[in-house]
């Protein structure tokens, strides 16, 4: 990423000095590959702010879209929907999440390819727009291989690795604080990391990444509420998670991720 940041600064300085450059607009467009919860969307927002500060984009906002926002059900609907999304993103970043879904069907009545072609049409001439295609590593690799034109236009692929237990522990601490809660004495990053390493299988951590922290936090709130009598608890007790809360919450999350219900989900009830 240092090289990418340096390239952006170089292009900014060349523009400031009115020096010509042979770099094409398409070199700004990129693909983000990684599992869910690895920070792709968050990084896109930071990138938008950076590009605005460097004068590369006039606004720097991020318009997040998925297949359902771009593809219509009937002939003639898809191109206008896609163009509208592109227009909304002008001056910023068009972030197409799960971009591979635009081409994942063999149905003759599917218009995902049309949406992708509309996006490709602006990649060569988009001085004030950056397009980011994002998704799972293997599916994104298949998408790029199946579309030589797309591969020619997107020169930078940024990989987002799965979070380690240490990183997840840090994210969880930040989320706890941001929600107005605190951790009991004896709960630190080392303890949290060890708990995640031992109690949460690697495949589940890789599937959820940062989303794991949100789910565990919800379960922590439930554990806290069932442990205390709110009306009789002190301010500290109302907002403090103890080790048992977190261990129970993680166990609940792992059970749900392994085939049950995750925190916040409700079972379907037959009519």
C-alpha atoms as a PDB file:
ATOM      1  CA  UNK A   1       0.000   0.000   0.000  1.00  0.00           C
ATOM      2  CA  UNK A   2       2.943   2.358   0.507  1.00  0.00           C
ATOM      3  CA  UNK A   3       3.705   2.100  -3.192  1.00  0.00           C
ATOM      4  CA  UNK A   4       0.099   2.883  -4.070  1.00  0.00           C
ATOM      5  CA  UNK A   5       0.020   5.901  -1.762  1.00  0.00           C
ATOM      6  CA  UNK A   6       3.284   7.109  -3.246  1.00  0.00           C
ATOM      7  CA  UNK A   7       1.858   6.784  -6.748  1.00  0.00           C
ATOM      8  CA  UNK A   8      -1.171   8.883  -5.771  1.00  0.00           C
ATOM      9  CA  UNK A   9       1.056  11.607  -4.331  1.00  0.00           C
ATOM     10  CA  UNK A  10       3.229  11.548  -7.461  1.00  0.00           C
ATOM     11  CA  UNK A  11       0.227  12.021  -9.740  1.00  0.00           C
ATOM     12  CA  UNK A  12      -1.078  14.836  -7.536  1.00  0.00           C
ATOM     13  CA  UNK A  13       2.235  16.685  -7.670  1.00  0.00           C
ATOM     14  CA  UNK A  14       2.461  16.275 -11.455  1.00  0.00           C
ATOM     15  CA  UNK A  15      -0.995  17.788 -11.818  1.00  0.00           C
ATOM     16  CA  UNK A  16      -0.099  20.638  -9.473  1.00  0.00           C
ATOM     17  CA  UNK A  17       2.884  21.471 -11.655  1.00  0.00           C
ATOM     18  CA  UNK A  18       0.873  21.037 -14.855  1.00  0.00           C
ATOM     19  CA  UNK A  19       3.199  18.271 -15.987  1.00  0.00           C
ATOM     20  CA  UNK A  20       1.772  15.886 -18.536  1.00  0.00           C
ATOM     21  CA  UNK A  21       1.406  12.222 -17.670  1.00  0.00           C
ATOM     22  CA  UNK A  22       0.716   9.208 -19.839  1.00  0.00           C
ATOM     23  CA  UNK A  23      -1.046   7.356 -17.018  1.00  0.00           C
ATOM     24  CA  UNK A  24      -4.543   6.295 -17.988  1.00  0.00           C
ATOM     25  CA  UNK A  25      -7.568   6.971 -15.838  1.00  0.00           C
ATOM     26  CA  UNK A  26      -8.172   3.241 -15.662  1.00  0.00           C
ATOM     27  CA  UNK A  27      -5.055   2.772 -13.514  1.00  0.00           C
ATOM     28  CA  UNK A  28      -7.027   4.157 -10.563  1.00  0.00           C
ATOM     29  CA  UNK A  29      -9.615   1.398 -10.665  1.00  0.00           C
ATOM     30  CA  UNK A  30      -9.020  -1.669  -8.565  1.00  0.00           C
ATOM     31  CA  UNK A  31     -10.291  -4.924  -7.163  1.00  0.00           C
ATOM     32  CA  UNK A  32     -10.523  -5.689  -3.456  1.00  0.00           C
ATOM     33  CA  UNK A  33     -10.375  -9.402  -2.706  1.00  0.00           C
ATOM     34  CA  UNK A  34     -10.967 -10.952   0.692  1.00  0.00           C
ATOM     35  CA  UNK A  35     -13.455 -12.719   2.902  1.00  0.00           C
ATOM     36  CA  UNK A  36     -16.360 -10.819   4.499  1.00  0.00           C
ATOM     37  CA  UNK A  37     -15.503  -8.638   7.468  1.00  0.00           C
ATOM     38  CA  UNK A  38     -11.895  -7.987   6.467  1.00  0.00           C
ATOM     39  CA  UNK A  39     -12.347  -4.226   6.117  1.00  0.00           C
ATOM     40  CA  UNK A  40     -12.834  -3.808   2.358  1.00  0.00           C
ATOM     41  CA  UNK A  41     -15.678  -1.305   2.659  1.00  0.00           C
ATOM     42  CA  UNK A  42     -13.995   0.591   5.481  1.00  0.00           C
ATOM     43  CA  UNK A  43     -10.794   0.857   3.462  1.00  0.00           C
ATOM     44  CA  UNK A  44     -12.754   2.145   0.454  1.00  0.00           C
ATOM     45  CA  UNK A  45     -14.116   4.975   2.609  1.00  0.00           C
ATOM     46  CA  UNK A  46     -10.641   5.842   3.842  1.00  0.00           C
ATOM     47  CA  UNK A  47      -9.372   5.705   0.268  1.00  0.00           C
ATOM     48  CA  UNK A  48     -12.103   8.090  -0.849  1.00  0.00           C
ATOM     49  CA  UNK A  49     -11.109  10.611   1.813  1.00  0.00           C
ATOM     50  CA  UNK A  50      -7.443  10.259   0.884  1.00  0.00           C
ATOM     51  CA  UNK A  51      -8.111  10.752  -2.821  1.00  0.00           C
ATOM     52  CA  UNK A  52     -10.178  13.837  -2.076  1.00  0.00           C
ATOM     53  CA  UNK A  53      -7.407  15.281   0.113  1.00  0.00           C
ATOM     54  CA  UNK A  54      -4.897  14.650  -2.680  1.00  0.00           C
ATOM     55  CA  UNK A  55      -7.163  16.312  -5.242  1.00  0.00           C
ATOM     56  CA  UNK A  56      -7.666  13.123  -7.241  1.00  0.00           C
ATOM     57  CA  UNK A  57     -11.414  13.028  -6.562  1.00  0.00           C
ATOM     58  CA  UNK A  58     -13.625  16.067  -6.142  1.00  0.00           C
ATOM     59  CA  UNK A  59     -15.813  14.582  -3.409  1.00  0.00           C
ATOM     60  CA  UNK A  60     -14.409  11.273  -2.189  1.00  0.00           C
ATOM     61  CA  UNK A  61     -17.736   9.763  -1.166  1.00  0.00           C
ATOM     62  CA  UNK A  62     -18.413   6.050  -1.582  1.00  0.00           C
ATOM     63  CA  UNK A  63     -21.521   4.643  -3.261  1.00  0.00           C
ATOM     64  CA  UNK A  64     -21.918   0.998  -2.232  1.00  0.00           C
ATOM     65  CA  UNK A  65     -23.921  -1.230  -4.570  1.00  0.00           C
ATOM     66  CA  UNK A  66     -24.563  -4.912  -5.100  1.00  0.00           C
ATOM     67  CA  UNK A  67     -26.087  -6.905  -7.911  1.00  0.00           C
ATOM     68  CA  UNK A  68     -29.639  -6.090  -6.817  1.00  0.00           C
ATOM     69  CA  UNK A  69     -28.966  -2.356  -7.132  1.00  0.00           C
ATOM     70  CA  UNK A  70     -27.754  -2.662 -10.723  1.00  0.00           C
ATOM     71  CA  UNK A  71     -29.642  -5.491 -12.410  1.00  0.00           C
ATOM     72  CA  UNK A  72     -33.276  -5.177 -13.441  1.00  0.00           C
ATOM     73  CA  UNK A  73     -35.802  -7.943 -13.939  1.00  0.00           C
ATOM     74  CA  UNK A  74     -36.878  -6.921 -17.414  1.00  0.00           C
ATOM     75  CA  UNK A  75     -35.274  -5.868 -20.685  1.00  0.00           C
ATOM     76  CA  UNK A  76     -34.249  -2.217 -20.639  1.00  0.00           C
ATOM     77  CA  UNK A  77     -34.043  -1.808 -16.863  1.00  0.00           C
ATOM     78  CA  UNK A  78     -30.432  -2.724 -16.137  1.00  0.00           C
ATOM     79  CA  UNK A  79     -28.529  -0.092 -18.121  1.00  0.00           C
ATOM     80  CA  UNK A  80     -30.453   2.859 -16.594  1.00  0.00           C
ATOM     81  CA  UNK A  81     -30.054   1.418 -13.084  1.00  0.00           C
ATOM     82  CA  UNK A  82     -26.324   0.988 -13.550  1.00  0.00           C
ATOM     83  CA  UNK A  83     -25.848   4.408 -15.130  1.00  0.00           C
ATOM     84  CA  UNK A  84     -27.735   5.982 -12.237  1.00  0.00           C
ATOM     85  CA  UNK A  85     -25.371   4.327  -9.754  1.00  0.00           C
ATOM     86  CA  UNK A  86     -22.380   5.548 -11.763  1.00  0.00           C
ATOM     87  CA  UNK A  87     -23.777   9.083 -11.795  1.00  0.00           C
ATOM     88  CA  UNK A  88     -24.320   9.000  -8.024  1.00  0.00           C
ATOM     89  CA  UNK A  89     -20.710   7.938  -7.563  1.00  0.00           C
ATOM     90  CA  UNK A  90     -19.294  10.719  -9.761  1.00  0.00           C
ATOM     91  CA  UNK A  91     -16.584  12.516  -7.829  1.00  0.00           C
ATOM     92  CA  UNK A  92     -16.065   9.511  -5.586  1.00  0.00           C
ATOM     93  CA  UNK A  93     -15.874   5.727  -5.521  1.00  0.00           C
ATOM     94  CA  UNK A  94     -18.341   3.223  -6.939  1.00  0.00           C
ATOM     95  CA  UNK A  95     -17.917   0.188  -4.678  1.00  0.00           C
ATOM     96  CA  UNK A  96     -19.452  -2.927  -6.246  1.00  0.00           C
ATOM     97  CA  UNK A  97     -19.625  -5.576  -3.536  1.00  0.00           C
ATOM     98  CA  UNK A  98     -19.737  -9.236  -4.566  1.00  0.00           C
ATOM     99  CA  UNK A  99     -19.056  -8.085  -8.130  1.00  0.00           C
ATOM    100  CA  UNK A 100     -18.685 -11.672  -9.365  1.00  0.00           C
ATOM    101  CA  UNK A 101     -22.442 -12.156  -8.875  1.00  0.00           C
ATOM    102  CA  UNK A 102     -22.978 -10.082 -12.008  1.00  0.00           C
ATOM    103  CA  UNK A 103     -21.774 -13.047 -14.068  1.00  0.00           C
ATOM    104  CA  UNK A 104     -22.650 -16.053 -11.907  1.00  0.00           C
ATOM    105  CA  UNK A 105     -25.727 -17.213 -13.785  1.00  0.00           C
ATOM    106  CA  UNK A 106     -26.247 -19.080 -17.049  1.00  0.00           C
ATOM    107  CA  UNK A 107     -29.808 -17.859 -17.483  1.00  0.00           C
ATOM    108  CA  UNK A 108     -30.539 -16.274 -20.852  1.00  0.00           C
ATOM    109  CA  UNK A 109     -32.851 -13.842 -19.071  1.00  0.00           C
ATOM    110  CA  UNK A 110     -30.209 -12.537 -16.698  1.00  0.00           C
ATOM    111  CA  UNK A 111     -28.870  -9.025 -17.255  1.00  0.00           C
ATOM    112  CA  UNK A 112     -25.839  -9.035 -14.964  1.00  0.00           C
ATOM    113  CA  UNK A 113     -23.434  -8.976 -17.905  1.00  0.00           C
ATOM    114  CA  UNK A 114     -25.154  -5.834 -19.165  1.00  0.00           C
ATOM    115  CA  UNK A 115     -24.510  -4.117 -15.834  1.00  0.00           C
ATOM    116  CA  UNK A 116     -20.848  -5.132 -15.928  1.00  0.00           C
ATOM    117  CA  UNK A 117     -20.493  -3.832 -19.482  1.00  0.00           C
ATOM    118  CA  UNK A 118     -21.972  -0.480 -18.434  1.00  0.00           C
ATOM    119  CA  UNK A 119     -19.407  -0.252 -15.655  1.00  0.00           C
ATOM    120  CA  UNK A 120     -16.582  -1.221 -18.008  1.00  0.00           C
ATOM    121  CA  UNK A 121     -17.626   1.513 -20.423  1.00  0.00           C
ATOM    122  CA  UNK A 122     -16.617   4.228 -17.938  1.00  0.00           C
ATOM    123  CA  UNK A 123     -13.321   2.704 -16.828  1.00  0.00           C
ATOM    124  CA  UNK A 124     -11.275   4.247 -19.642  1.00  0.00           C
ATOM    125  CA  UNK A 125     -12.694   7.755 -19.333  1.00  0.00           C
ATOM    126  CA  UNK A 126     -13.366   8.516 -15.692  1.00  0.00           C
ATOM    127  CA  UNK A 127     -11.067  11.217 -14.374  1.00  0.00           C
ATOM    128  CA  UNK A 128     -13.361  11.939 -11.411  1.00  0.00           C
ATOM    129  CA  UNK A 129     -14.507   8.413 -10.587  1.00  0.00           C
ATOM    130  CA  UNK A 130     -12.877   5.321  -9.132  1.00  0.00           C
ATOM    131  CA  UNK A 131     -14.487   1.909  -9.519  1.00  0.00           C
ATOM    132  CA  UNK A 132     -13.756  -0.800  -6.959  1.00  0.00           C
ATOM    133  CA  UNK A 133     -14.932  -4.364  -7.575  1.00  0.00           C
ATOM    134  CA  UNK A 134     -14.949  -6.407  -4.377  1.00  0.00           C
ATOM    135  CA  UNK A 135     -15.597  -9.979  -3.332  1.00  0.00           C
ATOM    136  CA  UNK A 136     -14.312 -13.385  -2.261  1.00  0.00           C
ATOM    137  CA  UNK A 137     -10.799 -14.222  -3.524  1.00  0.00           C
ATOM    138  CA  UNK A 138     -11.627 -17.299  -5.621  1.00  0.00           C
ATOM    139  CA  UNK A 139     -14.765 -15.860  -7.227  1.00  0.00           C
ATOM    140  CA  UNK A 140     -13.043 -12.569  -8.025  1.00  0.00           C
ATOM    141  CA  UNK A 141     -10.162 -14.455  -9.615  1.00  0.00           C
ATOM    142  CA  UNK A 142     -12.647 -16.347 -11.791  1.00  0.00           C
ATOM    143  CA  UNK A 143     -14.348 -13.079 -12.757  1.00  0.00           C
ATOM    144  CA  UNK A 144     -11.097 -11.460 -13.855  1.00  0.00           C
ATOM    145  CA  UNK A 145     -10.001 -14.543 -15.801  1.00  0.00           C
ATOM    146  CA  UNK A 146     -13.331 -14.846 -17.588  1.00  0.00           C
ATOM    147  CA  UNK A 147     -13.298 -11.228 -18.750  1.00  0.00           C
ATOM    148  CA  UNK A 148     -10.034 -10.165 -20.426  1.00  0.00           C
ATOM    149  CA  UNK A 149     -11.387  -6.665 -20.991  1.00  0.00           C
ATOM    150  CA  UNK A 150     -11.971  -6.234 -17.287  1.00  0.00           C
ATOM    151  CA  UNK A 151      -8.513  -7.503 -16.440  1.00  0.00           C
ATOM    152  CA  UNK A 152      -6.963  -4.984 -18.852  1.00  0.00           C
ATOM    153  CA  UNK A 153      -8.793  -2.110 -17.199  1.00  0.00           C
ATOM    154  CA  UNK A 154      -8.227  -2.997 -13.553  1.00  0.00           C
ATOM    155  CA  UNK A 155      -4.525  -3.031 -12.852  1.00  0.00           C
ATOM    156  CA  UNK A 156      -4.427  -3.082  -9.080  1.00  0.00           C
ATOM    157  CA  UNK A 157      -5.708  -5.959  -6.953  1.00  0.00           C
ATOM    158  CA  UNK A 158      -5.579  -5.433  -3.189  1.00  0.00           C
ATOM    159  CA  UNK A 159      -5.845  -8.531  -1.009  1.00  0.00           C
ATOM    160  CA  UNK A 160      -7.395  -8.336   2.448  1.00  0.00           C
ATOM    161  CA  UNK A 161      -6.182 -11.066   4.765  1.00  0.00           C
ATOM    162  CA  UNK A 162      -8.304 -12.700   7.441  1.00  0.00           C
ATOM    163  CA  UNK A 163      -7.921 -11.150  10.885  1.00  0.00           C
ATOM    164  CA  UNK A 164      -5.759 -12.918  13.440  1.00  0.00           C
ATOM    165  CA  UNK A 165      -7.039 -13.556  16.992  1.00  0.00           C
ATOM    166  CA  UNK A 166      -4.895 -10.627  18.178  1.00  0.00           C
ATOM    167  CA  UNK A 167      -6.484  -8.306  15.626  1.00  0.00           C
ATOM    168  CA  UNK A 168      -9.983  -9.531  16.446  1.00  0.00           C
ATOM    169  CA  UNK A 169      -9.313  -8.928  20.141  1.00  0.00           C
ATOM    170  CA  UNK A 170      -8.307  -5.343  19.381  1.00  0.00           C
ATOM    171  CA  UNK A 171     -11.390  -4.797  17.207  1.00  0.00           C
ATOM    172  CA  UNK A 172     -13.629  -6.203  19.938  1.00  0.00           C
ATOM    173  CA  UNK A 173     -12.112  -3.872  22.547  1.00  0.00           C
ATOM    174  CA  UNK A 174     -12.747  -0.895  20.273  1.00  0.00           C
ATOM    175  CA  UNK A 175     -16.354  -1.914  19.632  1.00  0.00           C
ATOM    176  CA  UNK A 176     -17.016  -2.431  23.344  1.00  0.00           C
ATOM    177  CA  UNK A 177     -15.744   1.072  24.117  1.00  0.00           C
ATOM    178  CA  UNK A 178     -17.607   2.659  21.200  1.00  0.00           C
ATOM    179  CA  UNK A 179     -20.898   1.228  22.498  1.00  0.00           C
ATOM    180  CA  UNK A 180     -20.358   2.702  25.953  1.00  0.00           C
ATOM    181  CA  UNK A 181     -19.408  -0.558  27.684  1.00  0.00           C
ATOM    182  CA  UNK A 182     -16.241  -1.595  29.491  1.00  0.00           C
ATOM    183  CA  UNK A 183     -14.335  -4.783  30.226  1.00  0.00           C
ATOM    184  CA  UNK A 184     -13.847  -6.067  33.743  1.00  0.00           C
ATOM    185  CA  UNK A 185     -10.416  -6.072  35.378  1.00  0.00           C
ATOM    186  CA  UNK A 186      -8.384  -8.986  34.114  1.00  0.00           C
ATOM    187  CA  UNK A 187      -9.823  -8.848  30.608  1.00  0.00           C
ATOM    188  CA  UNK A 188      -7.195  -7.589  28.208  1.00  0.00           C
ATOM    189  CA  UNK A 189      -6.203  -8.155  24.592  1.00  0.00           C
ATOM    190  CA  UNK A 190      -4.077 -11.167  25.501  1.00  0.00           C
ATOM    191  CA  UNK A 191      -6.942 -12.903  27.318  1.00  0.00           C
ATOM    192  CA  UNK A 192      -9.393 -12.144  24.498  1.00  0.00           C
ATOM    193  CA  UNK A 193      -6.964 -13.355  21.850  1.00  0.00           C
ATOM    194  CA  UNK A 194      -6.361 -16.603  23.698  1.00  0.00           C
ATOM    195  CA  UNK A 195     -10.088 -17.194  24.097  1.00  0.00           C
ATOM    196  CA  UNK A 196     -10.670 -16.646  20.382  1.00  0.00           C
ATOM    197  CA  UNK A 197      -7.765 -18.905  19.463  1.00  0.00           C
ATOM    198  CA  UNK A 198      -9.013 -21.779  21.616  1.00  0.00           C
ATOM    199  CA  UNK A 199     -12.794 -21.423  21.523  1.00  0.00           C
ATOM    200  CA  UNK A 200     -13.455 -20.192  17.977  1.00  0.00           C
ATOM    201  CA  UNK A 201     -12.372 -22.493  15.108  1.00  0.00           C
ATOM    202  CA  UNK A 202     -10.202 -20.965  12.401  1.00  0.00           C
ATOM    203  CA  UNK A 203     -12.774 -21.602   9.651  1.00  0.00           C
ATOM    204  CA  UNK A 204     -15.427 -19.656  11.561  1.00  0.00           C
ATOM    205  CA  UNK A 205     -13.025 -16.783  12.220  1.00  0.00           C
ATOM    206  CA  UNK A 206     -12.193 -16.709   8.499  1.00  0.00           C
ATOM    207  CA  UNK A 207     -15.863 -16.703   7.534  1.00  0.00           C
ATOM    208  CA  UNK A 208     -16.867 -13.772   9.747  1.00  0.00           C
ATOM    209  CA  UNK A 209     -13.692 -11.841  10.595  1.00  0.00           C
ATOM    210  CA  UNK A 210     -14.715  -8.436  11.974  1.00  0.00           C
ATOM    211  CA  UNK A 211     -18.387  -9.411  11.867  1.00  0.00           C
ATOM    212  CA  UNK A 212     -17.606 -11.937  14.582  1.00  0.00           C
ATOM    213  CA  UNK A 213     -16.998  -9.073  17.012  1.00  0.00           C
ATOM    214  CA  UNK A 214     -20.415  -7.542  16.342  1.00  0.00           C
ATOM    215  CA  UNK A 215     -22.176 -10.854  16.945  1.00  0.00           C
ATOM    216  CA  UNK A 216     -20.250 -11.600  20.133  1.00  0.00           C
ATOM    217  CA  UNK A 217     -20.963  -8.105  21.439  1.00  0.00           C
ATOM    218  CA  UNK A 218     -24.704  -8.626  20.960  1.00  0.00           C
ATOM    219  CA  UNK A 219     -24.495 -11.876  22.918  1.00  0.00           C
ATOM    220  CA  UNK A 220     -22.450 -10.146  25.622  1.00  0.00           C
ATOM    221  CA  UNK A 221     -25.249  -7.633  26.067  1.00  0.00           C
ATOM    222  CA  UNK A 222     -27.719 -10.487  26.407  1.00  0.00           C
ATOM    223  CA  UNK A 223     -25.503 -12.259  28.942  1.00  0.00           C
ATOM    224  CA  UNK A 224     -25.110  -9.058  30.943  1.00  0.00           C
ATOM    225  CA  UNK A 225     -28.843  -8.361  30.970  1.00  0.00           C
ATOM    226  CA  UNK A 226     -29.619 -11.863  32.228  1.00  0.00           C
ATOM    227  CA  UNK A 227     -26.942 -11.694  34.928  1.00  0.00           C
ATOM    228  CA  UNK A 228     -27.977  -8.475  36.670  1.00  0.00           C
ATOM    229  CA  UNK A 229     -31.140  -6.772  37.849  1.00  0.00           C
ATOM    230  CA  UNK A 230     -30.912  -3.477  35.932  1.00  0.00           C
ATOM    231  CA  UNK A 231     -32.929  -1.436  38.421  1.00  0.00           C
ATOM    232  CA  UNK A 232     -30.678  -2.500  41.296  1.00  0.00           C
ATOM    233  CA  UNK A 233     -27.303  -2.411  39.533  1.00  0.00           C
ATOM    234  CA  UNK A 234     -24.738   0.368  39.789  1.00  0.00           C
ATOM    235  CA  UNK A 235     -23.678   2.355  36.743  1.00  0.00           C
ATOM    236  CA  UNK A 236     -20.495   0.303  36.560  1.00  0.00           C
ATOM    237  CA  UNK A 237     -22.325  -3.014  36.796  1.00  0.00           C
ATOM    238  CA  UNK A 238     -24.740  -1.938  34.065  1.00  0.00           C
ATOM    239  CA  UNK A 239     -21.930  -1.359  31.597  1.00  0.00           C
ATOM    240  CA  UNK A 240     -19.259  -3.920  32.509  1.00  0.00           C
ATOM    241  CA  UNK A 241     -18.726  -7.261  30.799  1.00  0.00           C
ATOM    242  CA  UNK A 242     -17.083  -9.976  32.873  1.00  0.00           C
ATOM    243  CA  UNK A 243     -15.164 -12.994  31.590  1.00  0.00           C
ATOM    244  CA  UNK A 244     -18.192 -15.257  31.928  1.00  0.00           C
ATOM    245  CA  UNK A 245     -20.240 -12.922  29.696  1.00  0.00           C
ATOM    246  CA  UNK A 246     -17.665 -13.037  26.927  1.00  0.00           C
ATOM    247  CA  UNK A 247     -17.011 -16.770  27.159  1.00  0.00           C
ATOM    248  CA  UNK A 248     -20.746 -17.474  27.058  1.00  0.00           C
ATOM    249  CA  UNK A 249     -21.229 -15.046  24.163  1.00  0.00           C
ATOM    250  CA  UNK A 250     -18.461 -16.643  22.122  1.00  0.00           C
ATOM    251  CA  UNK A 251     -19.851 -20.118  22.775  1.00  0.00           C
ATOM    252  CA  UNK A 252     -23.264 -18.924  21.583  1.00  0.00           C
ATOM    253  CA  UNK A 253     -21.731 -17.401  18.462  1.00  0.00           C
ATOM    254  CA  UNK A 254     -19.750 -20.511  17.563  1.00  0.00           C
ATOM    255  CA  UNK A 255     -22.834 -22.669  18.037  1.00  0.00           C
ATOM    256  CA  UNK A 256     -24.879 -20.402  15.782  1.00  0.00           C
ATOM    257  CA  UNK A 257     -22.166 -20.167  13.148  1.00  0.00           C
ATOM    258  CA  UNK A 258     -21.920 -23.955  13.125  1.00  0.00           C
ATOM    259  CA  UNK A 259     -25.530 -24.367  12.080  1.00  0.00           C
ATOM    260  CA  UNK A 260     -27.790 -22.734  14.630  1.00  0.00           C
ATOM    261  CA  UNK A 261     -29.022 -19.150  14.896  1.00  0.00           C
ATOM    262  CA  UNK A 262     -26.613 -16.267  15.239  1.00  0.00           C
ATOM    263  CA  UNK A 263     -27.286 -13.466  17.740  1.00  0.00           C
ATOM    264  CA  UNK A 264     -30.021 -11.192  16.461  1.00  0.00           C
ATOM    265  CA  UNK A 265     -31.591 -13.883  14.264  1.00  0.00           C
ATOM    266  CA  UNK A 266     -35.016 -15.344  14.937  1.00  0.00           C
ATOM    267  CA  UNK A 267     -36.270 -18.754  13.876  1.00  0.00           C
ATOM    268  CA  UNK A 268     -38.625 -18.945  10.914  1.00  0.00           C
ATOM    269  CA  UNK A 269     -42.151 -19.754  11.998  1.00  0.00           C
ATOM    270  CA  UNK A 270     -44.342 -21.713   9.627  1.00  0.00           C
ATOM    271  CA  UNK A 271     -47.725 -20.277   8.758  1.00  0.00           C
END
